[in-house]
Every structure is written in C-alpha cells, then in structure tokens.
N, C-alpha and C. Protein backbone atom coordinates (compact mmCIF):
# COMPACT_ATOMS: atom_id res chain seq x y z
N MET A 1 13.43 5.21 15.79
CA MET A 1 12.77 5.50 16.39
C MET A 1 11.05 4.57 15.72
N GLU A 2 10.57 3.73 16.20
CA GLU A 2 9.08 3.50 15.64
C GLU A 2 8.07 3.55 17.49
N SER A 3 7.46 4.46 16.93
CA SER A 3 6.40 4.29 18.19
C SER A 3 5.14 3.27 17.71
N ALA A 4 3.89 3.54 18.40
CA ALA A 4 3.52 2.31 18.48
C ALA A 4 1.85 3.38 18.55
N VAL A 5 1.25 3.49 17.12
CA VAL A 5 -0.21 4.00 17.30
C VAL A 5 -1.54 4.03 17.21
N THR A 6 -1.80 3.99 17.68
CA THR A 6 -3.62 4.35 17.21
C THR A 6 -4.87 4.88 16.76
N ILE A 7 -5.41 4.62 15.43
CA ILE A 7 -5.40 5.34 14.57
C ILE A 7 -8.05 5.59 14.58
N GLU A 8 -8.57 6.14 15.24
CA GLU A 8 -9.55 5.97 15.25
C GLU A 8 -10.52 6.26 13.95
N CYS A 9 -10.96 5.12 13.53
CA CYS A 9 -11.99 4.84 13.03
C CYS A 9 -13.58 4.37 13.51
N GLY A 10 -14.48 5.86 13.62
CA GLY A 10 -15.46 5.50 14.14
C GLY A 10 -15.14 4.75 15.36
N ASN A 11 -15.66 3.87 15.75
CA ASN A 11 -15.63 2.86 16.81
C ASN A 11 -14.41 2.14 17.04
N ILE A 12 -14.05 1.68 16.19
CA ILE A 12 -12.65 0.82 16.14
C ILE A 12 -11.62 1.10 16.38
N LYS A 13 -10.60 1.21 16.72
CA LYS A 13 -9.22 1.03 16.63
C LYS A 13 -8.14 1.10 16.47
N LEU A 14 -7.85 0.84 15.40
CA LEU A 14 -6.70 0.12 14.99
C LEU A 14 -5.84 0.24 15.13
N GLU A 15 -4.73 -0.46 15.10
CA GLU A 15 -3.28 -0.79 16.32
C GLU A 15 -2.31 0.08 14.49
N GLY A 16 -0.96 0.62 14.57
CA GLY A 16 0.20 0.92 13.57
C GLY A 16 1.13 1.37 14.49
N ALA A 17 2.09 1.52 13.79
CA ALA A 17 3.99 2.11 14.20
C ALA A 17 4.06 3.36 13.26
N LEU A 18 4.52 3.66 13.52
CA LEU A 18 5.03 5.66 13.52
C LEU A 18 6.97 4.75 13.39
N HIS A 19 7.50 5.54 12.34
CA HIS A 19 8.59 5.88 12.46
C HIS A 19 9.49 6.80 11.87
N ASN A 20 10.69 7.46 13.10
CA ASN A 20 11.30 8.71 12.00
C ASN A 20 9.99 9.88 11.64
N PRO A 21 9.48 10.01 12.92
CA PRO A 21 8.48 11.49 12.69
C PRO A 21 8.68 12.16 12.72
N SER A 22 10.26 12.38 12.61
CA SER A 22 10.84 13.82 12.48
C SER A 22 10.86 14.60 10.71
N SER A 23 11.18 13.08 10.07
CA SER A 23 10.67 14.36 8.65
C SER A 23 8.83 14.49 7.56
N GLU A 24 9.57 15.58 7.24
CA GLU A 24 8.34 16.35 7.00
C GLU A 24 7.08 15.36 5.75
N LYS A 25 8.01 14.91 5.35
CA LYS A 25 7.42 13.93 4.14
C LYS A 25 6.84 12.28 4.72
N ALA A 26 5.76 11.56 4.14
CA ALA A 26 4.72 10.48 5.07
C ALA A 26 4.13 9.67 4.42
N VAL A 27 4.91 8.36 4.57
CA VAL A 27 3.59 7.08 3.88
C VAL A 27 3.46 6.76 4.61
N LEU A 28 1.62 5.79 3.94
CA LEU A 28 1.19 5.28 4.73
C LEU A 28 1.36 3.88 3.65
N ILE A 29 1.65 3.02 4.21
CA ILE A 29 1.44 1.59 4.05
C ILE A 29 1.44 0.78 4.60
N CYS A 30 -0.07 -0.01 3.63
CA CYS A 30 -1.10 -0.56 3.74
C CYS A 30 -1.19 -2.30 3.28
N HIS A 31 -0.54 -3.25 3.45
CA HIS A 31 -0.78 -4.77 4.09
C HIS A 31 -1.88 -5.63 3.20
N PRO A 32 -0.85 -6.52 2.88
CA PRO A 32 -2.13 -8.10 2.14
C PRO A 32 -3.41 -8.56 2.98
N HIS A 33 -4.31 -9.69 2.73
CA HIS A 33 -5.38 -10.09 2.86
C HIS A 33 -5.24 -10.51 4.15
N PRO A 34 -5.86 -9.87 5.46
CA PRO A 34 -6.29 -10.70 6.80
C PRO A 34 -6.12 -11.83 6.76
N LEU A 35 -6.84 -12.27 6.02
CA LEU A 35 -7.73 -13.82 5.69
C LEU A 35 -6.99 -14.78 5.27
N TYR A 36 -6.22 -14.54 5.15
CA TYR A 36 -4.95 -15.19 4.68
C TYR A 36 -2.67 -14.70 5.10
N GLY A 37 -3.83 -13.81 6.01
CA GLY A 37 -2.23 -13.91 7.06
C GLY A 37 -1.63 -12.92 6.48
N GLY A 38 -2.39 -11.48 6.47
CA GLY A 38 -1.75 -10.95 6.06
C GLY A 38 -1.26 -9.82 7.23
N ASN A 39 -0.29 -8.66 7.44
CA ASN A 39 -0.35 -8.14 8.28
C ASN A 39 0.59 -6.90 8.11
N MET A 40 0.73 -5.88 9.28
CA MET A 40 1.88 -4.85 8.99
C MET A 40 3.10 -5.13 8.34
N ASP A 41 3.59 -6.46 9.80
CA ASP A 41 3.99 -7.42 9.71
C ASP A 41 4.59 -7.97 8.71
N ASN A 42 4.12 -8.11 7.72
CA ASN A 42 4.21 -8.99 6.51
C ASN A 42 5.49 -8.00 5.77
N PRO A 43 6.35 -9.40 6.02
CA PRO A 43 8.34 -9.01 5.47
C PRO A 43 7.79 -7.91 4.00
N VAL A 44 7.60 -8.34 2.78
CA VAL A 44 7.32 -7.44 1.80
C VAL A 44 6.77 -6.03 2.63
N VAL A 45 6.12 -5.84 3.05
CA VAL A 45 5.81 -4.10 3.84
C VAL A 45 6.77 -4.58 4.88
N MET A 46 7.46 -5.37 5.33
CA MET A 46 8.62 -4.58 6.20
C MET A 46 9.56 -3.56 5.05
N THR A 47 9.81 -4.57 3.93
CA THR A 47 10.43 -3.83 2.67
C THR A 47 10.35 -2.53 2.25
N LEU A 48 9.11 -2.72 2.14
CA LEU A 48 8.04 -1.04 1.69
C LEU A 48 8.73 0.15 2.47
N ALA A 49 8.86 -0.17 3.76
CA ALA A 49 8.93 1.05 4.53
C ALA A 49 9.99 1.07 5.28
N GLU A 50 11.31 0.27 4.88
CA GLU A 50 12.52 0.66 4.59
C GLU A 50 13.17 0.99 3.91
N SER A 51 12.21 0.68 2.27
CA SER A 51 13.00 1.24 0.97
C SER A 51 12.41 3.16 1.75
N PHE A 52 11.61 3.24 2.11
CA PHE A 52 11.18 4.38 2.49
C PHE A 52 11.70 6.01 3.25
N LEU A 53 12.72 4.83 4.31
CA LEU A 53 12.97 5.14 5.53
C LEU A 53 14.39 5.98 5.50
N GLU A 54 14.88 5.47 4.06
CA GLU A 54 16.14 4.84 3.82
C GLU A 54 16.27 7.02 3.48
N LYS A 55 14.73 7.42 2.04
CA LYS A 55 15.02 8.25 1.48
C LYS A 55 14.64 9.15 2.68
N GLY A 56 14.80 9.09 3.80
CA GLY A 56 14.08 10.04 4.98
C GLY A 56 12.28 10.60 4.46
N PHE A 57 11.31 9.44 4.91
CA PHE A 57 10.55 9.51 4.92
C PHE A 57 9.75 8.40 6.71
N THR A 58 8.48 10.19 6.90
CA THR A 58 8.36 8.85 7.77
C THR A 58 6.78 8.00 7.85
N THR A 59 7.24 6.51 7.96
CA THR A 59 6.94 5.84 7.36
C THR A 59 5.01 5.78 8.33
N LEU A 60 4.31 5.00 8.46
CA LEU A 60 2.71 4.70 9.02
C LEU A 60 2.91 3.23 9.00
N ARG A 61 2.23 1.92 8.90
CA ARG A 61 2.26 0.19 8.87
C ARG A 61 1.03 0.74 10.01
N PHE A 62 0.37 -0.28 9.31
CA PHE A 62 -1.47 -0.20 10.55
C PHE A 62 -2.52 -1.96 10.39
N ASN A 63 -2.54 -2.09 11.19
CA ASN A 63 -2.86 -3.02 10.52
C ASN A 63 -4.79 -2.55 10.43
N PHE A 64 -5.13 -3.34 9.29
CA PHE A 64 -7.20 -3.43 8.45
C PHE A 64 -7.55 -3.91 10.09
N ARG A 65 -9.01 -3.71 9.87
CA ARG A 65 -10.38 -3.82 11.50
C ARG A 65 -9.85 -5.32 11.12
N GLY A 66 -9.87 -5.92 12.62
CA GLY A 66 -10.30 -7.20 13.61
C GLY A 66 -8.31 -8.06 12.72
N THR A 67 -7.24 -6.95 12.28
CA THR A 67 -6.23 -8.19 12.09
C THR A 67 -5.33 -8.05 13.42
N CYS A 68 -4.63 -8.94 13.99
CA CYS A 68 -3.47 -8.33 15.16
C CYS A 68 -5.05 -7.82 16.49
N ASN A 69 -4.48 -7.04 16.80
CA ASN A 69 -4.14 -6.09 17.37
C ASN A 69 -5.55 -4.95 17.44
N SER A 70 -6.46 -4.87 16.16
CA SER A 70 -6.84 -3.71 15.71
C SER A 70 -7.97 -3.93 16.17
N THR A 71 -9.56 -3.47 16.65
CA THR A 71 -10.60 -3.61 17.01
C THR A 71 -11.28 -3.77 15.29
N GLY A 72 -12.58 -4.64 15.78
CA GLY A 72 -13.35 -4.97 14.66
C GLY A 72 -13.51 -6.13 13.97
N MET A 73 -13.62 -6.39 12.97
CA MET A 73 -14.14 -7.18 12.08
C MET A 73 -13.67 -6.60 10.65
N PHE A 74 -13.26 -7.76 10.18
CA PHE A 74 -13.38 -8.21 8.22
C PHE A 74 -14.18 -8.38 7.66
N ASP A 75 -14.24 -7.19 7.20
CA ASP A 75 -15.52 -6.22 5.80
C ASP A 75 -15.27 -6.09 5.04
N ASN A 76 -15.05 -7.70 4.33
CA ASN A 76 -14.93 -8.07 2.89
C ASN A 76 -13.92 -6.36 2.27
N GLY A 77 -13.69 -5.71 2.16
CA GLY A 77 -12.91 -4.63 1.66
C GLY A 77 -13.81 -3.42 1.74
N GLU A 78 -15.32 -3.21 2.29
CA GLU A 78 -15.40 -1.75 2.41
C GLU A 78 -15.11 -0.93 3.65
N GLY A 79 -15.50 -1.50 4.89
CA GLY A 79 -15.16 -1.34 5.80
C GLY A 79 -13.22 -0.51 6.13
N GLU A 80 -12.32 -1.45 5.33
CA GLU A 80 -11.30 -1.51 5.14
C GLU A 80 -10.72 -0.39 4.39
N GLN A 81 -11.55 0.16 3.28
CA GLN A 81 -11.22 1.59 3.37
C GLN A 81 -10.89 2.31 3.84
N GLU A 82 -12.66 2.67 4.44
CA GLU A 82 -12.51 3.28 5.38
C GLU A 82 -11.27 4.01 6.83
N ASP A 83 -10.81 2.52 6.51
CA ASP A 83 -9.67 2.44 7.59
C ASP A 83 -8.35 3.48 7.14
N VAL A 84 -8.38 3.04 5.97
CA VAL A 84 -7.30 3.57 4.91
C VAL A 84 -7.40 5.65 5.00
N ARG A 85 -8.87 5.97 4.58
CA ARG A 85 -9.13 6.64 5.33
C ARG A 85 -8.98 7.25 6.67
N ALA A 86 -9.04 6.71 7.38
CA ALA A 86 -8.82 6.39 8.81
C ALA A 86 -7.39 7.48 8.80
N ALA A 87 -6.58 6.22 8.21
CA ALA A 87 -5.35 6.29 8.82
C ALA A 87 -4.84 7.45 7.92
N LEU A 88 -5.07 8.20 6.25
CA LEU A 88 -4.08 9.62 5.88
C LEU A 88 -4.76 10.47 6.37
N ASP A 89 -6.44 10.53 7.24
CA ASP A 89 -6.28 11.71 7.92
C ASP A 89 -5.79 12.08 9.42
N TRP A 90 -5.76 10.72 9.58
CA TRP A 90 -4.81 11.07 10.83
C TRP A 90 -3.17 11.56 10.63
N LEU A 91 -2.87 11.09 9.68
CA LEU A 91 -1.32 11.64 9.02
C LEU A 91 -2.28 13.15 8.32
N LYS A 92 -2.53 14.28 7.70
CA LYS A 92 -2.75 14.58 8.72
C LYS A 92 -3.39 15.40 9.91
N LYS A 93 -4.00 15.19 10.50
CA LYS A 93 -4.21 15.67 11.38
C LYS A 93 -2.31 15.99 11.86
N GLU A 94 -2.06 14.26 12.03
CA GLU A 94 -0.48 14.71 13.05
C GLU A 94 0.47 16.02 12.18
N GLY A 95 -0.11 16.68 10.88
CA GLY A 95 0.52 17.45 10.37
C GLY A 95 1.57 17.56 8.91
N TYR A 96 0.93 15.69 8.64
CA TYR A 96 1.82 15.60 7.22
C TYR A 96 1.54 16.14 6.51
N GLN A 97 1.94 16.75 5.39
CA GLN A 97 0.67 18.31 3.89
C GLN A 97 1.57 16.71 2.81
N ASN A 98 2.57 16.13 2.95
CA ASN A 98 3.39 15.30 1.75
C ASN A 98 2.90 14.21 1.90
N ILE A 99 2.10 13.50 1.67
CA ILE A 99 2.11 11.73 1.78
C ILE A 99 2.06 11.16 0.78
N SER A 100 2.40 10.23 0.07
CA SER A 100 2.40 9.26 -0.38
C SER A 100 1.74 7.45 -0.01
N LEU A 101 1.00 7.10 -0.81
CA LEU A 101 0.53 6.32 0.12
C LEU A 101 0.33 4.84 -1.37
N VAL A 102 0.99 3.94 -0.45
CA VAL A 102 1.49 2.40 -0.68
C VAL A 102 0.16 0.84 -0.55
N GLY A 103 0.36 0.23 -0.39
CA GLY A 103 -0.19 -0.37 -0.92
C GLY A 103 0.44 -1.52 -1.53
N TYR A 104 0.15 -2.94 -0.55
CA TYR A 104 0.24 -4.44 -1.28
C TYR A 104 -0.23 -5.83 -1.43
N SER A 105 -0.58 -6.10 -2.88
CA SER A 105 -1.50 -6.99 -2.69
C SER A 105 -3.30 -6.49 -2.29
N PHE A 106 -3.42 -7.31 -1.54
CA PHE A 106 -5.38 -6.76 -1.64
C PHE A 106 -4.93 -5.07 -0.60
N GLY A 107 -3.93 -4.64 0.20
CA GLY A 107 -3.85 -3.01 0.38
C GLY A 107 -3.17 -2.89 -0.42
N ALA A 108 -3.26 -2.68 -2.02
CA ALA A 108 -2.82 -2.02 -3.20
C ALA A 108 -4.28 -1.89 -3.88
N ARG A 109 -5.29 -3.22 -3.17
CA ARG A 109 -6.71 -3.19 -3.63
C ARG A 109 -7.43 -2.25 -2.74
N MET A 110 -7.54 -1.80 -1.52
CA MET A 110 -8.21 -1.19 -0.89
C MET A 110 -7.33 0.25 -0.68
N ASN A 111 -6.48 0.14 -1.18
CA ASN A 111 -5.96 2.01 -1.81
C ASN A 111 -6.47 2.55 -3.53
N ALA A 112 -6.50 1.16 -4.07
CA ALA A 112 -7.10 1.16 -5.71
C ALA A 112 -8.52 2.02 -5.20
N GLN A 113 -9.15 1.53 -4.03
CA GLN A 113 -10.19 2.14 -4.60
C GLN A 113 -10.61 3.90 -3.66
N VAL A 114 -9.95 3.54 -2.70
CA VAL A 114 -10.04 5.27 -1.97
C VAL A 114 -9.07 6.10 -3.01
N VAL A 115 -8.50 5.95 -4.11
CA VAL A 115 -8.06 6.79 -4.62
C VAL A 115 -9.06 7.50 -6.21
N SER A 116 -8.73 6.22 -6.12
CA SER A 116 -10.21 6.60 -7.28
C SER A 116 -11.70 6.94 -7.38
N THR A 117 -11.65 7.14 -5.90
CA THR A 117 -13.23 7.60 -5.26
C THR A 117 -12.80 9.01 -4.98
N GLY A 118 -11.57 9.32 -4.57
CA GLY A 118 -10.14 11.07 -4.64
C GLY A 118 -10.52 10.91 -3.00
N CYS A 119 -8.76 11.05 -3.08
CA CYS A 119 -8.31 11.65 -2.27
C CYS A 119 -7.31 12.00 -1.62
N GLU A 120 -6.44 13.05 -0.64
CA GLU A 120 -5.54 14.40 -1.12
C GLU A 120 -4.42 13.24 -0.57
N ILE A 121 -3.47 13.44 -1.66
CA ILE A 121 -1.83 12.26 -1.31
C ILE A 121 -1.23 12.48 -3.01
N ASN A 122 0.19 13.39 -2.23
CA ASN A 122 0.85 12.90 -3.75
C ASN A 122 1.65 12.29 -4.19
N ASP A 123 1.29 10.73 -3.78
CA ASP A 123 1.81 9.93 -4.63
C ASP A 123 1.00 8.28 -4.48
N HIS A 124 1.26 8.11 -5.40
CA HIS A 124 0.81 6.37 -5.20
C HIS A 124 1.49 5.37 -5.86
N ILE A 125 1.62 4.30 -5.23
CA ILE A 125 2.67 3.12 -6.27
C ILE A 125 1.54 2.17 -5.03
N MET A 126 1.08 0.77 -6.70
CA MET A 126 0.97 -0.42 -6.50
C MET A 126 2.03 -1.16 -6.28
N VAL A 127 1.43 -2.29 -4.85
CA VAL A 127 3.24 -3.48 -5.42
C VAL A 127 2.10 -4.75 -5.29
N SER A 128 1.86 -5.18 -7.13
CA SER A 128 1.20 -6.91 -6.46
C SER A 128 -0.07 -5.92 -7.11
N PRO A 129 -1.00 -5.44 -7.38
CA PRO A 129 -2.45 -5.80 -7.31
C PRO A 129 -2.81 -6.51 -7.46
N PRO A 130 -3.54 -7.20 -6.86
CA PRO A 130 -4.33 -8.30 -7.34
C PRO A 130 -5.71 -8.97 -8.13
N VAL A 131 -5.01 -8.22 -9.20
CA VAL A 131 -6.24 -8.39 -10.52
C VAL A 131 -6.01 -9.69 -11.33
N GLY A 132 -5.96 -10.69 -10.55
CA GLY A 132 -6.60 -12.27 -10.69
C GLY A 132 -6.95 -12.65 -10.12
N PHE A 133 -7.01 -11.76 -9.00
CA PHE A 133 -7.83 -13.09 -7.29
C PHE A 133 -9.02 -11.81 -7.63
N MET A 134 -9.41 -10.39 -7.82
CA MET A 134 -9.79 -9.11 -7.52
C MET A 134 -10.47 -8.68 -8.77
N SER A 135 -11.11 -8.15 -8.45
CA SER A 135 -11.61 -7.45 -9.44
C SER A 135 -11.22 -5.91 -9.69
N PHE A 136 -11.65 -5.51 -10.24
CA PHE A 136 -10.65 -3.97 -10.35
C PHE A 136 -11.27 -3.13 -11.39
N ASP A 137 -12.09 -3.78 -12.21
CA ASP A 137 -12.99 -3.26 -12.80
C ASP A 137 -13.79 -2.00 -13.09
N ASP A 138 -14.44 -1.64 -11.47
CA ASP A 138 -14.76 -0.76 -11.18
C ASP A 138 -14.05 0.62 -10.72
N ILE A 139 -13.03 -0.32 -11.20
CA ILE A 139 -11.88 0.52 -10.76
C ILE A 139 -11.81 1.83 -12.05
N GLU A 140 -12.64 3.75 -11.88
CA GLU A 140 -13.10 3.79 -13.27
C GLU A 140 -11.52 4.94 -13.54
N GLN A 141 -10.17 5.04 -12.36
CA GLN A 141 -9.43 6.07 -13.07
C GLN A 141 -8.06 5.93 -11.29
N MET A 142 -6.96 6.29 -11.93
CA MET A 142 -6.04 5.95 -10.99
C MET A 142 -5.54 7.23 -10.34
N PRO A 143 -5.00 8.42 -10.45
CA PRO A 143 -4.72 9.99 -10.77
C PRO A 143 -3.63 9.11 -9.23
N PHE A 144 -2.46 10.06 -9.62
CA PHE A 144 -1.69 9.91 -8.81
C PHE A 144 -0.21 9.07 -8.96
N THR A 145 -0.99 7.81 -8.72
CA THR A 145 -0.42 6.02 -9.25
C THR A 145 1.39 6.59 -10.94
N GLY A 146 2.11 6.81 -9.62
CA GLY A 146 3.54 6.96 -10.35
C GLY A 146 4.53 5.41 -10.53
N LEU A 147 4.24 4.46 -9.68
CA LEU A 147 5.34 3.36 -10.24
C LEU A 147 3.93 2.48 -8.98
N ILE A 148 3.91 1.34 -10.13
CA ILE A 148 3.35 -0.23 -9.91
C ILE A 148 4.58 -0.79 -10.57
N VAL A 149 4.82 -1.88 -10.07
CA VAL A 149 5.66 -3.41 -10.01
C VAL A 149 4.47 -4.69 -9.91
N THR A 150 5.25 -5.75 -10.24
CA THR A 150 5.39 -6.67 -10.08
C THR A 150 6.05 -8.36 -9.92
N GLY A 151 5.69 -9.23 -10.35
CA GLY A 151 6.86 -10.17 -9.91
C GLY A 151 6.19 -11.10 -11.84
N GLU A 152 7.32 -11.45 -12.61
CA GLU A 152 7.19 -12.00 -13.73
C GLU A 152 6.04 -13.17 -13.60
N ASN A 153 6.42 -14.25 -11.99
CA ASN A 153 5.74 -15.07 -11.89
C ASN A 153 4.52 -15.22 -10.89
N ASP A 154 4.13 -14.19 -10.75
CA ASP A 154 3.21 -13.00 -9.57
C ASP A 154 1.62 -13.23 -11.17
N GLU A 155 0.98 -14.90 -10.44
CA GLU A 155 -0.08 -15.77 -10.75
C GLU A 155 -1.36 -14.47 -9.83
N ILE A 156 -2.00 -14.44 -9.08
CA ILE A 156 -2.03 -12.71 -8.28
C ILE A 156 -2.57 -11.47 -9.00
N ALA A 157 -0.96 -11.05 -9.16
CA ALA A 157 -1.26 -10.24 -10.30
C ALA A 157 -0.40 -9.92 -11.63
N PRO A 158 -1.03 -10.93 -12.29
CA PRO A 158 -0.13 -11.04 -13.59
C PRO A 158 0.19 -9.77 -14.71
N ALA A 159 1.10 -9.17 -14.77
CA ALA A 159 2.22 -8.79 -15.15
C ALA A 159 1.14 -8.00 -16.31
N GLU A 160 -0.03 -9.02 -17.35
CA GLU A 160 -0.63 -8.88 -18.59
C GLU A 160 -1.80 -8.44 -18.53
N LYS A 161 -2.34 -8.74 -16.91
CA LYS A 161 -4.06 -8.10 -16.82
C LYS A 161 -3.46 -6.19 -16.55
N VAL A 162 -2.22 -6.59 -15.48
CA VAL A 162 -2.34 -5.53 -14.61
C VAL A 162 -2.01 -4.24 -15.87
N GLN A 163 -1.60 -4.90 -17.34
CA GLN A 163 -0.48 -3.62 -18.01
C GLN A 163 -2.03 -2.74 -18.77
N ALA A 164 -3.01 -4.60 -18.66
CA ALA A 164 -4.10 -3.77 -19.18
C ALA A 164 -5.12 -2.69 -18.52
N HIS A 165 -5.06 -2.27 -17.25
CA HIS A 165 -5.87 -1.15 -17.12
C HIS A 165 -5.32 -0.53 -16.98
N ILE A 166 -3.77 -0.46 -16.48
CA ILE A 166 -3.57 0.64 -16.34
C ILE A 166 -3.41 1.06 -18.21
N HIS A 167 -3.73 0.61 -19.24
CA HIS A 167 -4.04 1.03 -20.64
C HIS A 167 -5.43 1.90 -20.36
N ARG A 168 -6.64 1.12 -20.21
CA ARG A 168 -7.88 1.24 -19.80
C ARG A 168 -7.86 2.67 -18.43
N TRP A 169 -6.83 2.73 -17.13
CA TRP A 169 -6.54 4.16 -16.45
C TRP A 169 -6.15 5.52 -17.52
N LYS A 170 -5.88 4.99 -18.62
CA LYS A 170 -5.24 6.11 -19.40
C LYS A 170 -3.73 6.53 -18.64
N ILE A 171 -3.29 5.74 -17.80
CA ILE A 171 -1.80 6.17 -16.13
C ILE A 171 -1.17 6.46 -17.56
N ALA A 172 -0.13 6.52 -17.46
CA ALA A 172 1.27 6.01 -17.72
C ALA A 172 2.73 6.47 -16.06
N PRO A 173 1.82 5.13 -15.08
CA PRO A 173 3.74 5.05 -14.48
C PRO A 173 4.62 4.46 -15.00
N ARG A 174 5.42 4.33 -13.90
CA ARG A 174 6.51 3.50 -14.27
C ARG A 174 6.27 2.17 -14.12
N PHE A 175 6.61 1.04 -14.48
CA PHE A 175 6.00 -0.09 -14.07
C PHE A 175 7.04 -1.31 -14.44
N ASP A 176 7.72 -2.11 -13.45
CA ASP A 176 8.28 -2.97 -13.74
C ASP A 176 7.75 -4.30 -12.79
N ILE A 177 8.46 -5.36 -13.81
CA ILE A 177 8.30 -6.39 -13.76
C ILE A 177 9.63 -7.13 -13.27
N ILE A 178 9.56 -8.18 -12.25
CA ILE A 178 10.75 -8.63 -11.34
C ILE A 178 10.61 -10.37 -12.04
N GLU A 179 12.35 -9.66 -12.92
CA GLU A 179 12.16 -11.29 -13.89
C GLU A 179 12.31 -12.49 -12.14
N ALA A 180 11.23 -13.89 -12.30
CA ALA A 180 11.96 -14.90 -12.11
C ALA A 180 10.65 -14.66 -10.39
N CYS A 181 9.34 -13.19 -9.94
CA CYS A 181 9.40 -13.39 -8.45
C CYS A 181 8.27 -13.36 -9.07
N ASP A 182 8.23 -14.44 -7.71
CA ASP A 182 6.39 -14.86 -7.40
C ASP A 182 5.96 -13.99 -6.49
N HIS A 183 4.53 -14.05 -6.98
CA HIS A 183 4.10 -12.51 -5.37
C HIS A 183 4.18 -12.49 -4.00
N PHE A 184 4.88 -13.04 -3.58
CA PHE A 184 5.33 -13.36 -2.16
C PHE A 184 6.71 -12.58 -1.84
N TYR A 185 7.78 -12.59 -3.17
CA TYR A 185 8.70 -11.98 -3.12
C TYR A 185 9.72 -12.57 -3.38
N SER A 186 9.67 -14.12 -2.42
CA SER A 186 11.02 -14.94 -2.78
C SER A 186 11.93 -14.81 -3.19
N GLY A 187 12.57 -14.33 -2.50
CA GLY A 187 14.30 -13.72 -3.17
C GLY A 187 14.30 -12.60 -3.60
N CYS A 188 13.28 -12.14 -4.49
CA CYS A 188 13.86 -10.59 -4.34
C CYS A 188 12.80 -9.61 -4.41
N ARG A 189 13.17 -10.04 -2.31
CA ARG A 189 12.13 -8.45 -2.16
C ARG A 189 13.50 -7.33 -1.84
N GLY A 190 15.38 -7.58 -2.18
CA GLY A 190 15.93 -6.33 -2.66
C GLY A 190 16.06 -6.40 -3.87
N GLN A 191 15.72 -6.73 -4.82
CA GLN A 191 15.37 -6.40 -6.46
C GLN A 191 14.17 -5.28 -5.57
N LEU A 192 13.23 -5.34 -5.52
CA LEU A 192 12.51 -4.61 -5.27
C LEU A 192 12.28 -3.46 -4.57
N LYS A 193 13.10 -3.59 -3.20
CA LYS A 193 13.85 -2.32 -3.13
C LYS A 193 14.23 -1.06 -3.44
N THR A 194 15.57 -1.81 -4.64
CA THR A 194 16.22 -1.46 -5.57
C THR A 194 15.19 -0.39 -5.61
N ILE A 195 14.22 -1.01 -6.26
CA ILE A 195 13.35 -0.14 -7.44
C ILE A 195 12.89 0.68 -6.46
N LEU A 196 12.41 0.14 -6.20
CA LEU A 196 11.91 0.91 -4.96
C LEU A 196 12.76 3.29 -4.23
N THR A 197 13.63 2.11 -4.22
CA THR A 197 14.82 4.25 -3.85
C THR A 197 15.66 4.41 -5.00
N ASP A 198 15.57 3.95 -6.13
CA ASP A 198 15.79 4.61 -7.13
C ASP A 198 14.71 5.03 -7.61
N TYR A 199 13.72 5.06 -8.02
CA TYR A 199 12.16 5.31 -7.70
C TYR A 199 11.77 6.83 -6.89
N LEU A 200 12.35 6.85 -6.12
CA LEU A 200 12.31 7.88 -4.51
C LEU A 200 13.74 8.42 -4.86
N SER A 201 14.38 8.14 -5.91
CA SER A 201 15.32 9.34 -5.95
C SER A 201 15.23 10.10 -6.64
C-alpha cells in the first residue's frame, strides 16, 4: 500500500508518497524539472518506483517545493537540494539505514549536487542526467554511483557528454544507453525497467 507523507524542510512542507514501508531497504526517487511539468507522478518516476518495489525496496517519491501540493516556490535548483536532504533525513528518522538515491533528469542534477557535497547513502543512480541542458561542471566527485542510464536519442542527456563526465569523475558505473530512446523514454520504459531490475539483482 502507498501512503501520503509530509516531509518538513525548514518552513516548507513537501508532499510525498511512501510505498511498502515494511522493507529495511529504501529508495528516494527525485522527479524531473517542475517548470516543465515534472512531478512525482511522472511516468518515468513511476517506472523507477515499480522497479524498486519489485526488488523489495520501500519507495519514497516526493514533490519538490512549489510543485503540486508541496509548499514554497521553485528555487532554481538551490532549495531543491535541501528538499533532497530533508527527504533523506526523513527516511533515516523512520529507521531506514540502507538508502539508495535515484533521480531522473532535473532530479538527477539535484541528487548529483547532494552526492558530490556529501551524504550518507548506499547507492546512487542517475537516469538521463541533463548534461546537455544544465551544467555539471561544478560536480567534482560522484561517489556511490552504480548505474547511469540514458537514451541514444536523448538530446538533454547526450551519451557522449555523460561519458565525458564519467571519465572526469574517475568512476566506473554501469552505463547503459537505450537504443532509439529519447529523453521521455517514449515506448522504452519497459527497457528501462529491465535494466533497473537486472542491476538491482
């Protein structure tokens, strides 16, 4: 069962959805750009959640500040990093020790900043990190990153630019490029789910 939760970040209240709270392993999933219609019910976000649920994880999705029923206003990627930290802290206070952090598009950019500056997680996954749309040059390190996925036709997260950053970070994650796939994973969400469930196995 999925239940509605409220995550406090200073004076901001973030709307969240927690599924399968009995598992000891948890994943926090961050959604794409709110100014372009992104929220926690995005189809790719839901595919990510389904993949983790199938592998026995507790899943937490939430809306960034100013999105849907989360209070506050869009903060151009600054306050949103605090939202991620607040959600991670919420999971820890609920007793989860084994936490994975996953982001799609803008969510991957926010998570990258949090991971780069230090956080306590077990695994980090980026789906279509938007290196063609937002600068990642200030991201100097990317520990914990086990999997990165993008589409062959993804102009927001072009594979060659993603690969250049992987090389710069001196990490060796699994890097999957889905053939004939765009940034929205149109017709390719099944392949994304297969990659995730295989990785989580």
